[in-house]
């Protein structure tokens, strides 16, 4: 499987188009499609690998399997970095809402008694 096919497969798993991927990682429309005929820059390949949380070696066919290891949900839940949330967590292929994120943070922060109140607060601020 070549680089473009591998990226296309990863995009399908994440339920996004190649165009959406290009927009989200900040590269020009049509760039990834041309990678079958041209040599991409290492920076662009790295952006794609980071987006899908895979290694550059995996994209280039030097590794057979995605070898990410387990994702620590507590680490994600306690992260204030929106890029971490957007890159690693979604709901049905769509980014999580602020309410979803707040609920996950509360669950993994082991503050069960605050969950209902926080959800109400978020709903009231809409």
PDB file of N, CA and C in Angstrom:
ATOM      1  N   UNK A   1       0.853  -1.170   0.000  1.00  0.00           N
ATOM      2  CA  UNK A   1       0.000   0.000   0.000  1.00  0.00           C
ATOM      3  C   UNK A   1       0.903   1.238   0.000  1.00  0.00           C
ATOM      4  N   UNK A   2       0.640   2.171  -0.911  1.00  0.00           N
ATOM      5  CA  UNK A   2       1.475   3.366  -0.981  1.00  0.00           C
ATOM      6  C   UNK A   2       1.017   4.419   0.032  1.00  0.00           C
ATOM      7  N   UNK A   3       1.777   5.491   0.116  1.00  0.00           N
ATOM      8  CA  UNK A   3       1.526   6.545   1.098  1.00  0.00           C
ATOM      9  C   UNK A   3       0.112   7.100   0.984  1.00  0.00           C
ATOM     10  N   UNK A   4      -0.319   7.449  -0.218  1.00  0.00           N
ATOM     11  CA  UNK A   4      -1.653   8.014  -0.404  1.00  0.00           C
ATOM     12  C   UNK A   4      -2.737   7.035   0.044  1.00  0.00           C
ATOM     13  N   UNK A   5      -2.612   5.779  -0.330  1.00  0.00           N
ATOM     14  CA  UNK A   5      -3.614   4.781   0.056  1.00  0.00           C
ATOM     15  C   UNK A   5      -3.673   4.604   1.570  1.00  0.00           C
ATOM     16  N   UNK A   6      -2.517   4.643   2.220  1.00  0.00           N
ATOM     17  CA  UNK A   6      -2.474   4.502   3.678  1.00  0.00           C
ATOM     18  C   UNK A   6      -3.181   5.687   4.350  1.00  0.00           C
ATOM     19  N   UNK A   7      -2.907   6.897   3.838  1.00  0.00           N
ATOM     20  CA  UNK A   7      -3.553   8.093   4.394  1.00  0.00           C
ATOM     21  C   UNK A   7      -5.054   8.053   4.135  1.00  0.00           C
ATOM     22  N   UNK A   8      -5.434   7.629   2.949  1.00  0.00           N
ATOM     23  CA  UNK A   8      -6.858   7.515   2.596  1.00  0.00           C
ATOM     24  C   UNK A   8      -7.568   6.541   3.543  1.00  0.00           C
ATOM     25  N   UNK A   9      -6.907   5.430   3.856  1.00  0.00           N
ATOM     26  CA  UNK A   9      -7.472   4.446   4.780  1.00  0.00           C
ATOM     27  C   UNK A   9      -7.627   5.028   6.189  1.00  0.00           C
ATOM     28  N   UNK A  10      -6.605   5.726   6.667  1.00  0.00           N
ATOM     29  CA  UNK A  10      -6.681   6.345   7.996  1.00  0.00           C
ATOM     30  C   UNK A  10      -7.784   7.403   8.046  1.00  0.00           C
ATOM     31  N   UNK A  11      -7.905   8.176   6.978  1.00  0.00           N
ATOM     32  CA  UNK A  11      -8.952   9.208   6.915  1.00  0.00           C
ATOM     33  C   UNK A  11     -10.335   8.563   6.955  1.00  0.00           C
ATOM     34  N   UNK A  12     -10.502   7.471   6.248  1.00  0.00           N
ATOM     35  CA  UNK A  12     -11.796   6.772   6.243  1.00  0.00           C
ATOM     36  C   UNK A  12     -12.138   6.262   7.639  1.00  0.00           C
ATOM     37  N   UNK A  13     -11.139   5.754   8.355  1.00  0.00           N
ATOM     38  CA  UNK A  13     -11.380   5.284   9.722  1.00  0.00           C
ATOM     39  C   UNK A  13     -11.816   6.412  10.638  1.00  0.00           C
ATOM     40  N   UNK A  14     -11.324   7.604  10.367  1.00  0.00           N
ATOM     41  CA  UNK A  14     -11.666   8.768  11.174  1.00  0.00           C
ATOM     42  C   UNK A  14     -12.887   9.515  10.614  1.00  0.00           C
ATOM     43  N   UNK A  15     -13.391   9.017   9.496  1.00  0.00           N
ATOM     44  CA  UNK A  15     -14.577   9.580   8.832  1.00  0.00           C
ATOM     45  C   UNK A  15     -14.374  11.030   8.399  1.00  0.00           C
ATOM     46  N   UNK A  16     -13.229  11.284   7.793  1.00  0.00           N
ATOM     47  CA  UNK A  16     -12.970  12.593   7.211  1.00  0.00           C
ATOM     48  C   UNK A  16     -12.467  12.391   5.789  1.00  0.00           C
ATOM     49  N   UNK A  17     -12.630  13.403   4.965  1.00  0.00           N
ATOM     50  CA  UNK A  17     -12.125  13.337   3.598  1.00  0.00           C
ATOM     51  C   UNK A  17     -10.674  13.799   3.566  1.00  0.00           C
ATOM     52  N   UNK A  18     -10.016  13.507   2.476  1.00  0.00           N
ATOM     53  CA  UNK A  18      -8.635  13.972   2.302  1.00  0.00           C
ATOM     54  C   UNK A  18      -8.615  15.502   2.316  1.00  0.00           C
ATOM     55  N   UNK A  19      -9.589  16.117   1.703  1.00  0.00           N
ATOM     56  CA  UNK A  19      -9.662  17.585   1.699  1.00  0.00           C
ATOM     57  C   UNK A  19      -9.801  18.137   3.123  1.00  0.00           C
ATOM     58  N   UNK A  20     -10.660  17.517   3.930  1.00  0.00           N
ATOM     59  CA  UNK A  20     -10.816  17.950   5.322  1.00  0.00           C
ATOM     60  C   UNK A  20      -9.509  17.785   6.087  1.00  0.00           C
ATOM     61  N   UNK A  21      -8.814  16.681   5.848  1.00  0.00           N
ATOM     62  CA  UNK A  21      -7.527  16.454   6.487  1.00  0.00           C
ATOM     63  C   UNK A  21      -6.550  17.572   6.123  1.00  0.00           C
ATOM     64  N   UNK A  22      -6.467  17.879   4.841  1.00  0.00           N
ATOM     65  CA  UNK A  22      -5.561  18.937   4.390  1.00  0.00           C
ATOM     66  C   UNK A  22      -5.893  20.271   5.057  1.00  0.00           C
ATOM     67  N   UNK A  23      -7.169  20.579   5.152  1.00  0.00           N
ATOM     68  CA  UNK A  23      -7.581  21.827   5.819  1.00  0.00           C
ATOM     69  C   UNK A  23      -7.180  21.822   7.288  1.00  0.00           C
ATOM     70  N   UNK A  24      -7.406  20.703   7.969  1.00  0.00           N
ATOM     71  CA  UNK A  24      -7.145  20.634   9.404  1.00  0.00           C
ATOM     72  C   UNK A  24      -5.667  20.685   9.759  1.00  0.00           C
ATOM     73  N   UNK A  25      -4.812  20.182   8.865  1.00  0.00           N
ATOM     74  CA  UNK A  25      -3.379  20.213   9.173  1.00  0.00           C
ATOM     75  C   UNK A  25      -2.656  21.369   8.484  1.00  0.00           C
ATOM     76  N   UNK A  26      -3.397  22.156   7.704  1.00  0.00           N
ATOM     77  CA  UNK A  26      -2.832  23.367   7.125  1.00  0.00           C
ATOM     78  C   UNK A  26      -1.962  23.176   5.897  1.00  0.00           C
ATOM     79  N   UNK A  27      -2.349  22.228   5.039  1.00  0.00           N
ATOM     80  CA  UNK A  27      -1.633  22.104   3.773  1.00  0.00           C
ATOM     81  C   UNK A  27      -2.620  22.338   2.626  1.00  0.00           C
ATOM     82  N   UNK A  28      -2.098  22.685   1.481  1.00  0.00           N
ATOM     83  CA  UNK A  28      -2.934  23.083   0.339  1.00  0.00           C
ATOM     84  C   UNK A  28      -3.808  21.938  -0.158  1.00  0.00           C
ATOM     85  N   UNK A  29      -4.997  22.319  -0.632  1.00  0.00           N
ATOM     86  CA  UNK A  29      -5.936  21.362  -1.190  1.00  0.00           C
ATOM     87  C   UNK A  29      -5.293  20.644  -2.383  1.00  0.00           C
ATOM     88  N   UNK A  30      -5.399  19.327  -2.416  1.00  0.00           N
ATOM     89  CA  UNK A  30      -4.861  18.520  -3.506  1.00  0.00           C
ATOM     90  C   UNK A  30      -3.435  18.045  -3.282  1.00  0.00           C
ATOM     91  N   UNK A  31      -2.804  18.526  -2.221  1.00  0.00           N
ATOM     92  CA  UNK A  31      -1.409  18.162  -1.956  1.00  0.00           C
ATOM     93  C   UNK A  31      -1.244  16.663  -1.742  1.00  0.00           C
ATOM     94  N   UNK A  32      -2.060  16.085  -0.888  1.00  0.00           N
ATOM     95  CA  UNK A  32      -1.902  14.666  -0.548  1.00  0.00           C
ATOM     96  C   UNK A  32      -2.159  13.780  -1.759  1.00  0.00           C
ATOM     97  N   UNK A  33      -3.115  14.140  -2.594  1.00  0.00           N
ATOM     98  CA  UNK A  33      -3.403  13.355  -3.785  1.00  0.00           C
ATOM     99  C   UNK A  33      -2.194  13.289  -4.725  1.00  0.00           C
ATOM    100  N   UNK A  34      -1.391  14.335  -4.748  1.00  0.00           N
ATOM    101  CA  UNK A  34      -0.211  14.381  -5.629  1.00  0.00           C
ATOM    102  C   UNK A  34       0.965  13.575  -5.080  1.00  0.00           C
ATOM    103  N   UNK A  35       0.887  13.117  -3.857  1.00  0.00           N
ATOM    104  CA  UNK A  35       2.012  12.416  -3.253  1.00  0.00           C
ATOM    105  C   UNK A  35       2.322  11.077  -3.917  1.00  0.00           C
ATOM    106  N   UNK A  36       1.428  10.574  -4.735  1.00  0.00           N
ATOM    107  CA  UNK A  36       1.725   9.362  -5.486  1.00  0.00           C
ATOM    108  C   UNK A  36       2.728   9.616  -6.599  1.00  0.00           C
ATOM    109  N   UNK A  37       2.824  10.887  -7.030  1.00  0.00           N
ATOM    110  CA  UNK A  37       3.699  11.239  -8.154  1.00  0.00           C
ATOM    111  C   UNK A  37       4.852  12.141  -7.751  1.00  0.00           C
ATOM    112  N   UNK A  38       4.753  12.787  -6.600  1.00  0.00           N
ATOM    113  CA  UNK A  38       5.798  13.699  -6.153  1.00  0.00           C
ATOM    114  C   UNK A  38       6.268  13.288  -4.768  1.00  0.00           C
ATOM    115  N   UNK A  39       7.409  13.792  -4.373  1.00  0.00           N
ATOM    116  CA  UNK A  39       7.930  13.503  -3.036  1.00  0.00           C
ATOM    117  C   UNK A  39       7.458  14.568  -2.061  1.00  0.00           C
ATOM    118  N   UNK A  40       6.706  14.172  -1.043  1.00  0.00           N
ATOM    119  CA  UNK A  40       6.240  15.145  -0.053  1.00  0.00           C
ATOM    120  C   UNK A  40       7.372  15.581   0.857  1.00  0.00           C
ATOM    121  N   UNK A  41       7.192  16.736   1.464  1.00  0.00           N
ATOM    122  CA  UNK A  41       8.181  17.197   2.440  1.00  0.00           C
ATOM    123  C   UNK A  41       8.025  16.402   3.731  1.00  0.00           C
ATOM    124  N   UNK A  42       9.108  16.314   4.466  1.00  0.00           N
ATOM    125  CA  UNK A  42       9.069  15.604   5.748  1.00  0.00           C
ATOM    126  C   UNK A  42       8.119  16.319   6.707  1.00  0.00           C
ATOM    127  N   UNK A  43       8.082  17.646   6.632  1.00  0.00           N
ATOM    128  CA  UNK A  43       7.184  18.401   7.501  1.00  0.00           C
ATOM    129  C   UNK A  43       5.725  18.048   7.262  1.00  0.00           C
ATOM    130  N   UNK A  44       5.348  17.900   5.995  1.00  0.00           N
ATOM    131  CA  UNK A  44       3.960  17.559   5.665  1.00  0.00           C
ATOM    132  C   UNK A  44       3.622  16.143   6.108  1.00  0.00           C
ATOM    133  N   UNK A  45       4.539  15.216   5.879  1.00  0.00           N
ATOM    134  CA  UNK A  45       4.297  13.839   6.315  1.00  0.00           C
ATOM    135  C   UNK A  45       4.182  13.782   7.836  1.00  0.00           C
ATOM    136  N   UNK A  46       5.012  14.551   8.511  1.00  0.00           N
ATOM    137  CA  UNK A  46       4.973  14.575   9.977  1.00  0.00           C
ATOM    138  C   UNK A  46       3.637  15.112  10.475  1.00  0.00           C
ATOM    139  N   UNK A  47       3.102  16.135   9.804  1.00  0.00           N
ATOM    140  CA  UNK A  47       1.793  16.679  10.189  1.00  0.00           C
ATOM    141  C   UNK A  47       0.713  15.604  10.080  1.00  0.00           C
ATOM    142  N   UNK A  48       0.752  14.831   8.998  1.00  0.00           N
ATOM    143  CA  UNK A  48      -0.237  13.765   8.810  1.00  0.00           C
ATOM    144  C   UNK A  48      -0.066  12.695   9.887  1.00  0.00           C
ATOM    145  N   UNK A  49       1.173  12.289  10.136  1.00  0.00           N
ATOM    146  CA  UNK A  49       1.429  11.267  11.159  1.00  0.00           C
ATOM    147  C   UNK A  49       0.943  11.740  12.527  1.00  0.00           C
ATOM    148  N   UNK A  50       1.237  12.996  12.868  1.00  0.00           N
ATOM    149  CA  UNK A  50       0.792  13.539  14.157  1.00  0.00           C
ATOM    150  C   UNK A  50      -0.731  13.582  14.235  1.00  0.00           C
ATOM    151  N   UNK A  51      -1.369  13.971  13.154  1.00  0.00           N
ATOM    152  CA  UNK A  51      -2.834  14.059  13.140  1.00  0.00           C
ATOM    153  C   UNK A  51      -3.467  12.696  13.441  1.00  0.00           C
ATOM    154  N   UNK A  52      -2.932  11.642  12.824  1.00  0.00           N
ATOM    155  CA  UNK A  52      -3.512  10.309  13.012  1.00  0.00           C
ATOM    156  C   UNK A  52      -2.884   9.541  14.174  1.00  0.00           C
ATOM    157  N   UNK A  53      -1.918  10.159  14.856  1.00  0.00           N
ATOM    158  CA  UNK A  53      -1.236   9.533  15.980  1.00  0.00           C
ATOM    159  C   UNK A  53      -0.571   8.222  15.559  1.00  0.00           C
ATOM    160  N   UNK A  54       0.117   8.277  14.412  1.00  0.00           N
ATOM    161  CA  UNK A  54       0.901   7.146  13.924  1.00  0.00           C
ATOM    162  C   UNK A  54       2.319   7.638  13.667  1.00  0.00           C
ATOM    163  N   UNK A  55       3.230   6.726  13.442  1.00  0.00           N
ATOM    164  CA  UNK A  55       4.606   7.123  13.147  1.00  0.00           C
ATOM    165  C   UNK A  55       4.765   7.431  11.661  1.00  0.00           C
ATOM    166  N   UNK A  56       5.769   8.215  11.353  1.00  0.00           N
ATOM    167  CA  UNK A  56       6.112   8.478   9.958  1.00  0.00           C
ATOM    168  C   UNK A  56       6.491   7.155   9.293  1.00  0.00           C
ATOM    169  N   UNK A  57       7.200   6.297  10.011  1.00  0.00           N
ATOM    170  CA  UNK A  57       7.560   4.988   9.472  1.00  0.00           C
ATOM    171  C   UNK A  57       6.330   4.178   9.070  1.00  0.00           C
ATOM    172  N   UNK A  58       5.267   4.267   9.855  1.00  0.00           N
ATOM    173  CA  UNK A  58       4.038   3.561   9.493  1.00  0.00           C
ATOM    174  C   UNK A  58       3.490   4.106   8.175  1.00  0.00           C
ATOM    175  N   UNK A  59       3.441   5.430   8.039  1.00  0.00           N
ATOM    176  CA  UNK A  59       2.928   6.025   6.800  1.00  0.00           C
ATOM    177  C   UNK A  59       3.767   5.624   5.589  1.00  0.00           C
ATOM    178  N   UNK A  60       5.065   5.516   5.795  1.00  0.00           N
ATOM    179  CA  UNK A  60       5.966   5.194   4.687  1.00  0.00           C
ATOM    180  C   UNK A  60       6.082   3.693   4.425  1.00  0.00           C
ATOM    181  N   UNK A  61       5.356   2.886   5.202  1.00  0.00           N
ATOM    182  CA  UNK A  61       5.361   1.450   4.983  1.00  0.00           C
ATOM    183  C   UNK A  61       6.532   0.727   5.619  1.00  0.00           C
ATOM    184  N   UNK A  62       7.235   1.389   6.508  1.00  0.00           N
ATOM    185  CA  UNK A  62       8.383   0.764   7.172  1.00  0.00           C
ATOM    186  C   UNK A  62       7.964   0.015   8.433  1.00  0.00           C
ATOM    187  N   UNK A  63       6.749   0.220   8.894  1.00  0.00           N
ATOM    188  CA  UNK A  63       6.157  -0.520  10.006  1.00  0.00           C
ATOM    189  C   UNK A  63       4.859  -1.109   9.492  1.00  0.00           C
ATOM    190  N   UNK A  64       4.590  -2.330   9.872  1.00  0.00           N
ATOM    191  CA  UNK A  64       3.393  -3.011   9.378  1.00  0.00           C
ATOM    192  C   UNK A  64       2.117  -2.599  10.106  1.00  0.00           C
ATOM    193  N   UNK A  65       2.221  -2.334  11.392  1.00  0.00           N
ATOM    194  CA  UNK A  65       1.032  -2.065  12.192  1.00  0.00           C
ATOM    195  C   UNK A  65       1.126  -0.707  12.854  1.00  0.00           C
ATOM    196  N   UNK A  66      -0.030  -0.174  13.149  1.00  0.00           N
ATOM    197  CA  UNK A  66      -0.073   1.026  13.968  1.00  0.00           C
ATOM    198  C   UNK A  66       0.312   0.592  15.371  1.00  0.00           C
ATOM    199  N   UNK A  67       1.329   1.196  15.919  1.00  0.00           N
ATOM    200  CA  UNK A  67       1.817   0.780  17.233  1.00  0.00           C
ATOM    201  C   UNK A  67       1.837   1.991  18.158  1.00  0.00           C
ATOM    202  N   UNK A  68       0.662   2.423  18.549  1.00  0.00           N
ATOM    203  CA  UNK A  68       0.550   3.603  19.396  1.00  0.00           C
ATOM    204  C   UNK A  68       0.622   3.282  20.875  1.00  0.00           C
ATOM    205  N   UNK A  69       0.303   2.067  21.239  1.00  0.00           N
ATOM    206  CA  UNK A  69       0.160   1.754  22.647  1.00  0.00           C
ATOM    207  C   UNK A  69      -1.174   2.297  23.134  1.00  0.00           C
ATOM    208  N   UNK A  70      -1.530   1.962  24.346  1.00  0.00           N
ATOM    209  CA  UNK A  70      -2.817   2.432  24.874  1.00  0.00           C
ATOM    210  C   UNK A  70      -2.811   3.942  25.120  1.00  0.00           C
ATOM    211  N   UNK A  71      -3.962   4.538  24.940  1.00  0.00           N
ATOM    212  CA  UNK A  71      -4.134   5.967  25.211  1.00  0.00           C
ATOM    213  C   UNK A  71      -4.615   6.110  26.647  1.00  0.00           C
ATOM    214  N   UNK A  72      -3.938   6.918  27.410  1.00  0.00           N
ATOM    215  CA  UNK A  72      -4.292   7.142  28.813  1.00  0.00           C
ATOM    216  C   UNK A  72      -5.390   8.207  28.883  1.00  0.00           C
ATOM    217  N   UNK A  73      -6.618   7.782  29.136  1.00  0.00           N
ATOM    218  CA  UNK A  73      -7.746   8.716  29.166  1.00  0.00           C
ATOM    219  C   UNK A  73      -7.624   9.736  30.290  1.00  0.00           C
ATOM    220  N   UNK A  74      -7.036   9.350  31.387  1.00  0.00           N
ATOM    221  CA  UNK A  74      -6.846  10.303  32.484  1.00  0.00           C
ATOM    222  C   UNK A  74      -5.917  11.422  32.052  1.00  0.00           C
ATOM    223  N   UNK A  75      -4.873  11.069  31.317  1.00  0.00           N
ATOM    224  CA  UNK A  75      -3.931  12.082  30.827  1.00  0.00           C
ATOM    225  C   UNK A  75      -4.630  13.040  29.873  1.00  0.00           C
ATOM    226  N   UNK A  76      -5.435  12.506  28.977  1.00  0.00           N
ATOM    227  CA  UNK A  76      -6.172  13.358  28.040  1.00  0.00           C
ATOM    228  C   UNK A  76      -7.169  14.222  28.801  1.00  0.00           C
ATOM    229  N   UNK A  77      -7.902  13.613  29.715  1.00  0.00           N
ATOM    230  CA  UNK A  77      -8.939  14.342  30.455  1.00  0.00           C
ATOM    231  C   UNK A  77      -8.363  15.505  31.238  1.00  0.00           C
ATOM    232  N   UNK A  78      -7.147  15.378  31.694  1.00  0.00           N
ATOM    233  CA  UNK A  78      -6.537  16.438  32.483  1.00  0.00           C
ATOM    234  C   UNK A  78      -5.718  17.414  31.638  1.00  0.00           C
ATOM    235  N   UNK A  79      -5.752  17.247  30.337  1.00  0.00           N
ATOM    236  CA  UNK A  79      -5.018  18.141  29.450  1.00  0.00           C
ATOM    237  C   UNK A  79      -5.879  19.349  29.092  1.00  0.00           C
ATOM    238  N   UNK A  80      -5.273  20.524  29.136  1.00  0.00           N
ATOM    239  CA  UNK A  80      -5.953  21.739  28.697  1.00  0.00           C
ATOM    240  C   UNK A  80      -5.645  22.049  27.241  1.00  0.00           C
ATOM    241  N   UNK A  81      -4.837  21.207  26.610  1.00  0.00           N
ATOM    242  CA  UNK A  81      -4.426  21.411  25.229  1.00  0.00           C
ATOM    243  C   UNK A  81      -5.537  20.924  24.298  1.00  0.00           C
ATOM    244  N   UNK A  82      -6.214  21.849  23.650  1.00  0.00           N
ATOM    245  CA  UNK A  82      -7.323  21.496  22.762  1.00  0.00           C
ATOM    246  C   UNK A  82      -6.852  20.616  21.608  1.00  0.00           C
ATOM    247  N   UNK A  83      -5.603  20.788  21.189  1.00  0.00           N
ATOM    248  CA  UNK A  83      -5.079  19.959  20.101  1.00  0.00           C
ATOM    249  C   UNK A  83      -5.046  18.488  20.499  1.00  0.00           C
ATOM    250  N   UNK A  84      -4.759  18.212  21.764  1.00  0.00           N
ATOM    251  CA  UNK A  84      -4.755  16.830  22.245  1.00  0.00           C
ATOM    252  C   UNK A  84      -6.160  16.264  22.148  1.00  0.00           C
ATOM    253  N   UNK A  85      -7.126  17.018  22.618  1.00  0.00           N
ATOM    254  CA  UNK A  85      -8.512  16.557  22.551  1.00  0.00           C
ATOM    255  C   UNK A  85      -8.926  16.316  21.102  1.00  0.00           C
ATOM    256  N   UNK A  86      -8.664  17.286  20.234  1.00  0.00           N
ATOM    257  CA  UNK A  86      -9.119  17.186  18.846  1.00  0.00           C
ATOM    258  C   UNK A  86      -8.423  16.066  18.087  1.00  0.00           C
ATOM    259  N   UNK A  87      -7.187  15.782  18.445  1.00  0.00           N
ATOM    260  CA  UNK A  87      -6.409  14.763  17.748  1.00  0.00           C
ATOM    261  C   UNK A  87      -6.768  13.355  18.201  1.00  0.00           C
ATOM    262  N   UNK A  88      -7.050  13.173  19.482  1.00  0.00           N
ATOM    263  CA  UNK A  88      -7.189  11.830  20.031  1.00  0.00           C
ATOM    264  C   UNK A  88      -8.603  11.405  20.384  1.00  0.00           C
ATOM    265  N   UNK A  89      -9.520  12.341  20.524  1.00  0.00           N
ATOM    266  CA  UNK A  89     -10.845  11.986  21.014  1.00  0.00           C
ATOM    267  C   UNK A  89     -11.915  12.580  20.091  1.00  0.00           C
ATOM    268  N   UNK A  90     -12.895  11.750  19.745  1.00  0.00           N
ATOM    269  CA  UNK A  90     -14.022  12.240  18.952  1.00  0.00           C
ATOM    270  C   UNK A  90     -15.259  11.448  19.345  1.00  0.00           C
ATOM    271  N   UNK A  91     -16.376  11.887  18.840  1.00  0.00           N
ATOM    272  CA  UNK A  91     -17.644  11.203  19.084  1.00  0.00           C
ATOM    273  C   UNK A  91     -18.307  10.989  17.727  1.00  0.00           C
ATOM    274  N   UNK A  92     -18.312   9.758  17.268  1.00  0.00           N
ATOM    275  CA  UNK A  92     -18.875   9.467  15.954  1.00  0.00           C
ATOM    276  C   UNK A  92     -18.122  10.168  14.833  1.00  0.00           C
ATOM    277  N   UNK A  93     -16.819  10.375  15.017  1.00  0.00           N
ATOM    278  CA  UNK A  93     -16.015  11.041  14.007  1.00  0.00           C
ATOM    279  C   UNK A  93     -16.064  12.553  14.068  1.00  0.00           C
ATOM    280  N   UNK A  94     -16.837  13.095  15.003  1.00  0.00           N
ATOM    281  CA  UNK A  94     -16.955  14.547  15.151  1.00  0.00           C
ATOM    282  C   UNK A  94     -16.243  14.986  16.423  1.00  0.00           C
ATOM    283  N   UNK A  95     -15.738  16.215  16.425  1.00  0.00           N
ATOM    284  CA  UNK A  95     -15.089  16.714  17.646  1.00  0.00           C
ATOM    285  C   UNK A  95     -16.077  16.732  18.813  1.00  0.00           C
ATOM    286  N   UNK A  96     -15.558  16.579  20.007  1.00  0.00           N
ATOM    287  CA  UNK A  96     -16.397  16.626  21.200  1.00  0.00           C
ATOM    288  C   UNK A  96     -16.864  18.049  21.476  1.00  0.00           C
ATOM    289  N   UNK A  97     -18.044  18.156  22.050  1.00  0.00           N
ATOM    290  CA  UNK A  97     -18.535  19.460  22.486  1.00  0.00           C
ATOM    291  C   UNK A  97     -17.858  19.814  23.802  1.00  0.00           C
ATOM    292  N   UNK A  98     -17.965  21.059  24.202  1.00  0.00           N
ATOM    293  CA  UNK A  98     -17.409  21.479  25.492  1.00  0.00           C
ATOM    294  C   UNK A  98     -18.074  20.713  26.641  1.00  0.00           C
ATOM    295  N   UNK A  99     -19.364  20.431  26.503  1.00  0.00           N
ATOM    296  CA  UNK A  99     -20.070  19.663  27.532  1.00  0.00           C
ATOM    297  C   UNK A  99     -19.496  18.250  27.626  1.00  0.00           C
ATOM    298  N   UNK A 100     -19.272  17.610  26.476  1.00  0.00           N
ATOM    299  CA  UNK A 100     -18.673  16.268  26.472  1.00  0.00           C
ATOM    300  C   UNK A 100     -17.321  16.282  27.181  1.00  0.00           C
ATOM    301  N   UNK A 101     -16.491  17.261  26.840  1.00  0.00           N
ATOM    302  CA  UNK A 101     -15.158  17.360  27.436  1.00  0.00           C
ATOM    303  C   UNK A 101     -15.242  17.546  28.942  1.00  0.00           C
ATOM    304  N   UNK A 102     -16.164  18.392  29.372  1.00  0.00           N
ATOM    305  CA  UNK A 102     -16.319  18.638  30.813  1.00  0.00           C
ATOM    306  C   UNK A 102     -16.740  17.361  31.535  1.00  0.00           C
ATOM    307  N   UNK A 103     -17.642  16.618  30.930  1.00  0.00           N
ATOM    308  CA  UNK A 103     -18.102  15.375  31.549  1.00  0.00           C
ATOM    309  C   UNK A 103     -16.960  14.361  31.646  1.00  0.00           C
ATOM    310  N   UNK A 104     -16.180  14.228  30.588  1.00  0.00           N
ATOM    311  CA  UNK A 104     -15.054  13.294  30.595  1.00  0.00           C
ATOM    312  C   UNK A 104     -14.034  13.702  31.641  1.00  0.00           C
ATOM    313  N   UNK A 105     -13.752  15.000  31.715  1.00  0.00           N
ATOM    314  CA  UNK A 105     -12.798  15.486  32.718  1.00  0.00           C
ATOM    315  C   UNK A 105     -13.265  15.146  34.129  1.00  0.00           C
ATOM    316  N   UNK A 106     -14.534  15.325  34.382  1.00  0.00           N
ATOM    317  CA  UNK A 106     -15.053  15.036  35.716  1.00  0.00           C
ATOM    318  C   UNK A 106     -14.992  13.553  36.044  1.00  0.00           C
ATOM    319  N   UNK A 107     -15.343  12.723  35.082  1.00  0.00           N
ATOM    320  CA  UNK A 107     -15.314  11.279  35.315  1.00  0.00           C
ATOM    321  C   UNK A 107     -13.897  10.809  35.612  1.00  0.00           C
ATOM    322  N   UNK A 108     -12.944  11.257  34.819  1.00  0.00           N
ATOM    323  CA  UNK A 108     -11.579  10.782  35.000  1.00  0.00           C
ATOM    324  C   UNK A 108     -10.825  11.529  36.081  1.00  0.00           C
ATOM    325  N   UNK A 109     -11.388  12.603  36.581  1.00  0.00           N
ATOM    326  CA  UNK A 109     -10.790  13.296  37.715  1.00  0.00           C
ATOM    327  C   UNK A 109     -11.362  12.744  39.024  1.00  0.00           C
ATOM    328  N   UNK A 110     -12.262  11.769  38.899  1.00  0.00           N
ATOM    329  CA  UNK A 110     -12.862  11.103  40.052  1.00  0.00           C
ATOM    330  C   UNK A 110     -13.624  12.080  40.947  1.00  0.00           C
ATOM    331  N   UNK A 111     -14.411  12.946  40.292  1.00  0.00           N
ATOM    332  CA  UNK A 111     -15.245  13.893  41.031  1.00  0.00           C
ATOM    333  C   UNK A 111     -16.705  13.678  40.621  1.00  0.00           C
ATOM    334  N   UNK A 112     -17.195  12.493  40.880  1.00  0.00           N
ATOM    335  CA  UNK A 112     -18.524  12.102  40.447  1.00  0.00           C
ATOM    336  C   UNK A 112     -19.626  13.033  40.932  1.00  0.00           C
ATOM    337  N   UNK A 113     -19.500  13.553  42.125  1.00  0.00           N
ATOM    338  CA  UNK A 113     -20.563  14.388  42.683  1.00  0.00           C
ATOM    339  C   UNK A 113     -20.712  15.716  41.943  1.00  0.00           C
ATOM    340  N   UNK A 114     -19.699  16.104  41.176  1.00  0.00           N
ATOM    341  CA  UNK A 114     -19.767  17.371  40.440  1.00  0.00           C
ATOM    342  C   UNK A 114     -20.341  17.228  39.034  1.00  0.00           C
ATOM    343  N   UNK A 115     -20.481  16.012  38.551  1.00  0.00           N
ATOM    344  CA  UNK A 115     -20.873  15.798  37.157  1.00  0.00           C
ATOM    345  C   UNK A 115     -22.211  16.455  36.824  1.00  0.00           C
ATOM    346  N   UNK A 116     -23.231  16.181  37.584  1.00  0.00           N
ATOM    347  CA  UNK A 116     -24.549  16.719  37.289  1.00  0.00           C
ATOM    348  C   UNK A 116     -24.568  18.240  37.359  1.00  0.00           C
ATOM    349  N   UNK A 117     -23.962  18.813  38.382  1.00  0.00           N
ATOM    350  CA  UNK A 117     -23.939  20.262  38.530  1.00  0.00           C
ATOM    351  C   UNK A 117     -23.180  20.929  37.378  1.00  0.00           C
ATOM    352  N   UNK A 118     -22.046  20.387  37.006  1.00  0.00           N
ATOM    353  CA  UNK A 118     -21.256  20.959  35.918  1.00  0.00           C
ATOM    354  C   UNK A 118     -22.032  20.905  34.605  1.00  0.00           C
ATOM    355  N   UNK A 119     -22.716  19.797  34.335  1.00  0.00           N
ATOM    356  CA  UNK A 119     -23.510  19.676  33.127  1.00  0.00           C
ATOM    357  C   UNK A 119     -24.629  20.708  33.088  1.00  0.00           C
ATOM    358  N   UNK A 120     -25.276  20.924  34.243  1.00  0.00           N
ATOM    359  CA  UNK A 120     -26.317  21.953  34.333  1.00  0.00           C
ATOM    360  C   UNK A 120     -25.751  23.336  34.074  1.00  0.00           C
ATOM    361  N   UNK A 121     -24.580  23.618  34.656  1.00  0.00           N
ATOM    362  CA  UNK A 121     -23.943  24.917  34.463  1.00  0.00           C
ATOM    363  C   UNK A 121     -23.630  25.183  32.999  1.00  0.00           C
ATOM    364  N   UNK A 122     -23.113  24.156  32.329  1.00  0.00           N
ATOM    365  CA  UNK A 122     -22.787  24.301  30.907  1.00  0.00           C
ATOM    366  C   UNK A 122     -24.053  24.544  30.095  1.00  0.00           C
ATOM    367  N   UNK A 123     -25.101  23.786  30.387  1.00  0.00           N
ATOM    368  CA  UNK A 123     -26.381  23.974  29.669  1.00  0.00           C
ATOM    369  C   UNK A 123     -26.934  25.380  29.899  1.00  0.00           C
ATOM    370  N   UNK A 124     -26.801  25.889  31.120  1.00  0.00           N
ATOM    371  CA  UNK A 124     -27.337  27.207  31.443  1.00  0.00           C
ATOM    372  C   UNK A 124     -26.559  28.343  30.782  1.00  0.00           C
ATOM    373  N   UNK A 125     -25.300  28.083  30.401  1.00  0.00           N
ATOM    374  CA  UNK A 125     -24.474  29.114  29.777  1.00  0.00           C
ATOM    375  C   UNK A 125     -24.654  29.188  28.264  1.00  0.00           C
ATOM    376  N   UNK A 126     -25.483  28.357  27.687  1.00  0.00           N
ATOM    377  CA  UNK A 126     -25.693  28.358  26.227  1.00  0.00           C
ATOM    378  C   UNK A 126     -26.487  29.543  25.786  1.00  0.00           C
TER     379      UNK A 126
END
